[in-house]
Amino acid sequence: KRVALSPDDADALVDLGGALYPVKAWERLGAVGERLRALAPARPEGPLWIALSAGYVAPDDALPAALDAAREAVRLRPDGYGAHRTLGRLHVRQRRW
């Protein structure tokens, strides 16, 4: 509801993404990540959610873009466990270890 009232509120999108992650709504989480990245490019959650979503639902040919998003999330938050974990999962999915 908060996002509907304020679609350009980055904090509302972060809250929405936080609610979508535990229920595994991957496609919607990716869309929220895209919107967040456009609104607040300095926030790591946007690229993280894009990468995380792609890791679960994207076809293999979309994985390079997902890897780029995960690397962006790591760059924005170098100490962020979630970004590093997602990057690692994408490497495993591509059998790059």
C-alpha atoms as a PDB file:
ATOM      1  CA  LYS A   1       0.000   0.000   0.000  1.00  0.00           C
ATOM      2  CA  ARG A   2       2.827   2.370   0.856  1.00  0.00           C
ATOM      3  CA  VAL A   3       4.366   1.886  -2.606  1.00  0.00           C
ATOM      4  CA  ALA A   4       1.006   2.572  -4.255  1.00  0.00           C
ATOM      5  CA  LEU A   5       0.740   5.855  -2.372  1.00  0.00           C
ATOM      6  CA  SER A   6       4.357   6.857  -2.987  1.00  0.00           C
ATOM      7  CA  PRO A   7       5.723   4.978  -6.020  1.00  0.00           C
ATOM      8  CA  ASP A   8       8.955   7.017  -5.966  1.00  0.00           C
ATOM      9  CA  ASP A   9       9.726   6.281  -2.312  1.00  0.00           C
ATOM     10  CA  ALA A  10      12.881   4.161  -2.235  1.00  0.00           C
ATOM     11  CA  ASP A  11      12.343   3.218   1.411  1.00  0.00           C
ATOM     12  CA  ALA A  12       8.866   1.901   0.571  1.00  0.00           C
ATOM     13  CA  LEU A  13      10.357  -0.229  -2.204  1.00  0.00           C
ATOM     14  CA  VAL A  14      12.956  -1.594   0.212  1.00  0.00           C
ATOM     15  CA  ASP A  15      10.149  -2.540   2.586  1.00  0.00           C
ATOM     16  CA  LEU A  16       8.228  -4.202  -0.241  1.00  0.00           C
ATOM     17  CA  GLY A  17      11.294  -6.143  -1.350  1.00  0.00           C
ATOM     18  CA  GLY A  18      11.879  -7.220   2.228  1.00  0.00           C
ATOM     19  CA  ALA A  19       8.350  -8.625   2.282  1.00  0.00           C
ATOM     20  CA  LEU A  20       8.674 -10.372  -1.093  1.00  0.00           C
ATOM     21  CA  TYR A  21      11.953 -12.156  -0.348  1.00  0.00           C
ATOM     22  CA  PRO A  22      10.690 -14.505   2.410  1.00  0.00           C
ATOM     23  CA  VAL A  23       7.687 -15.579   0.323  1.00  0.00           C
ATOM     24  CA  LYS A  24       9.955 -16.300  -2.662  1.00  0.00           C
ATOM     25  CA  ALA A  25       8.117 -13.997  -5.071  1.00  0.00           C
ATOM     26  CA  TRP A  26      11.223 -13.916  -7.276  1.00  0.00           C
ATOM     27  CA  GLU A  27       9.803 -12.320 -10.433  1.00  0.00           C
ATOM     28  CA  ARG A  28       8.132  -9.521  -8.509  1.00  0.00           C
ATOM     29  CA  LEU A  29      11.272  -9.061  -6.399  1.00  0.00           C
ATOM     30  CA  GLY A  30      13.291  -8.590  -9.590  1.00  0.00           C
ATOM     31  CA  ALA A  31      10.844  -5.951 -10.830  1.00  0.00           C
ATOM     32  CA  VAL A  32      11.042  -4.111  -7.500  1.00  0.00           C
ATOM     33  CA  GLY A  33      14.838  -4.301  -7.749  1.00  0.00           C
ATOM     34  CA  GLU A  34      14.758  -2.743 -11.226  1.00  0.00           C
ATOM     35  CA  ARG A  35      12.545   0.084  -9.997  1.00  0.00           C
ATOM     36  CA  LEU A  36      14.709   0.655  -6.920  1.00  0.00           C
ATOM     37  CA  ARG A  37      17.909   0.695  -8.972  1.00  0.00           C
ATOM     38  CA  ALA A  38      16.395   3.367 -11.252  1.00  0.00           C
ATOM     39  CA  LEU A  39      15.227   5.505  -8.300  1.00  0.00           C
ATOM     40  CA  ALA A  40      18.177   5.074  -5.960  1.00  0.00           C
ATOM     41  CA  PRO A  41      21.271   3.825  -7.817  1.00  0.00           C
ATOM     42  CA  ALA A  42      23.440   4.074  -4.696  1.00  0.00           C
ATOM     43  CA  ARG A  43      21.280   1.538  -2.800  1.00  0.00           C
ATOM     44  CA  PRO A  44      22.628  -2.032  -3.043  1.00  0.00           C
ATOM     45  CA  GLU A  45      19.229  -3.692  -2.593  1.00  0.00           C
ATOM     46  CA  GLY A  46      18.130  -2.991  -6.186  1.00  0.00           C
ATOM     47  CA  PRO A  47      20.926  -4.839  -7.968  1.00  0.00           C
ATOM     48  CA  LEU A  48      20.961  -7.497  -5.252  1.00  0.00           C
ATOM     49  CA  TRP A  49      17.284  -8.300  -5.810  1.00  0.00           C
ATOM     50  CA  ILE A  50      17.742  -8.290  -9.577  1.00  0.00           C
ATOM     51  CA  ALA A  51      20.566 -10.810  -9.255  1.00  0.00           C
ATOM     52  CA  LEU A  52      18.785 -12.880  -6.651  1.00  0.00           C
ATOM     53  CA  SER A  53      15.618 -13.039  -8.724  1.00  0.00           C
ATOM     54  CA  ALA A  54      17.504 -13.988 -11.875  1.00  0.00           C
ATOM     55  CA  GLY A  55      19.343 -16.706  -9.999  1.00  0.00           C
ATOM     56  CA  TYR A  56      16.037 -18.440  -9.359  1.00  0.00           C
ATOM     57  CA  VAL A  57      13.910 -17.713 -12.432  1.00  0.00           C
ATOM     58  CA  ALA A  58      16.068 -16.469 -15.309  1.00  0.00           C
ATOM     59  CA  PRO A  59      17.107 -18.666 -18.218  1.00  0.00           C
ATOM     60  CA  ASP A  60      20.805 -19.442 -18.480  1.00  0.00           C
ATOM     61  CA  ASP A  61      21.382 -16.856 -21.211  1.00  0.00           C
ATOM     62  CA  ALA A  62      20.296 -14.109 -18.777  1.00  0.00           C
ATOM     63  CA  LEU A  63      22.894 -15.047 -16.174  1.00  0.00           C
ATOM     64  CA  PRO A  64      25.629 -12.663 -17.407  1.00  0.00           C
ATOM     65  CA  ALA A  65      23.356  -9.687 -16.625  1.00  0.00           C
ATOM     66  CA  ALA A  66      22.531 -11.240 -13.252  1.00  0.00           C
ATOM     67  CA  LEU A  67      26.256 -11.590 -12.509  1.00  0.00           C
ATOM     68  CA  ASP A  68      26.762  -7.927 -13.407  1.00  0.00           C
ATOM     69  CA  ALA A  69      23.967  -6.944 -11.013  1.00  0.00           C
ATOM     70  CA  ALA A  70      25.467  -9.078  -8.233  1.00  0.00           C
ATOM     71  CA  ARG A  71      28.888  -7.498  -8.788  1.00  0.00           C
ATOM     72  CA  GLU A  72      27.251  -4.074  -8.617  1.00  0.00           C
ATOM     73  CA  ALA A  73      25.633  -4.999  -5.287  1.00  0.00           C
ATOM     74  CA  VAL A  74      29.024  -6.136  -3.942  1.00  0.00           C
ATOM     75  CA  ARG A  75      30.601  -2.871  -5.119  1.00  0.00           C
ATOM     76  CA  LEU A  76      27.884  -0.833  -3.409  1.00  0.00           C
ATOM     77  CA  ARG A  77      28.084  -2.811  -0.170  1.00  0.00           C
ATOM     78  CA  PRO A  78      31.440  -4.615  -0.017  1.00  0.00           C
ATOM     79  CA  ASP A  79      30.713  -6.018   3.439  1.00  0.00           C
ATOM     80  CA  GLY A  80      27.233  -7.257   2.492  1.00  0.00           C
ATOM     81  CA  TYR A  81      26.895 -10.994   3.012  1.00  0.00           C
ATOM     82  CA  GLY A  82      23.798 -11.273   0.808  1.00  0.00           C
ATOM     83  CA  ALA A  83      25.525  -9.773  -2.218  1.00  0.00           C
ATOM     84  CA  HIS A  84      28.529 -12.091  -1.892  1.00  0.00           C
ATOM     85  CA  ARG A  85      26.280 -15.123  -1.332  1.00  0.00           C
ATOM     86  CA  THR A  86      24.173 -14.291  -4.391  1.00  0.00           C
ATOM     87  CA  LEU A  87      27.270 -13.785  -6.538  1.00  0.00           C
ATOM     88  CA  GLY A  88      28.560 -17.168  -5.385  1.00  0.00           C
ATOM     89  CA  ARG A  89      25.250 -18.883  -6.166  1.00  0.00           C
ATOM     90  CA  LEU A  90      25.270 -17.445  -9.666  1.00  0.00           C
ATOM     91  CA  HIS A  91      28.823 -18.704 -10.213  1.00  0.00           C
ATOM     92  CA  VAL A  92      27.766 -22.169  -9.058  1.00  0.00           C
ATOM     93  CA  ARG A  93      24.760 -22.088 -11.376  1.00  0.00           C
ATOM     94  CA  GLN A  94      27.125 -21.322 -14.257  1.00  0.00           C
ATOM     95  CA  ARG A  95      29.534 -23.970 -12.974  1.00  0.00           C
ATOM     96  CA  ARG A  96      32.222 -21.307 -12.543  1.00  0.00           C
ATOM     97  CA  TRP A  97      34.257 -22.246  -9.514  1.00  0.00           C
END
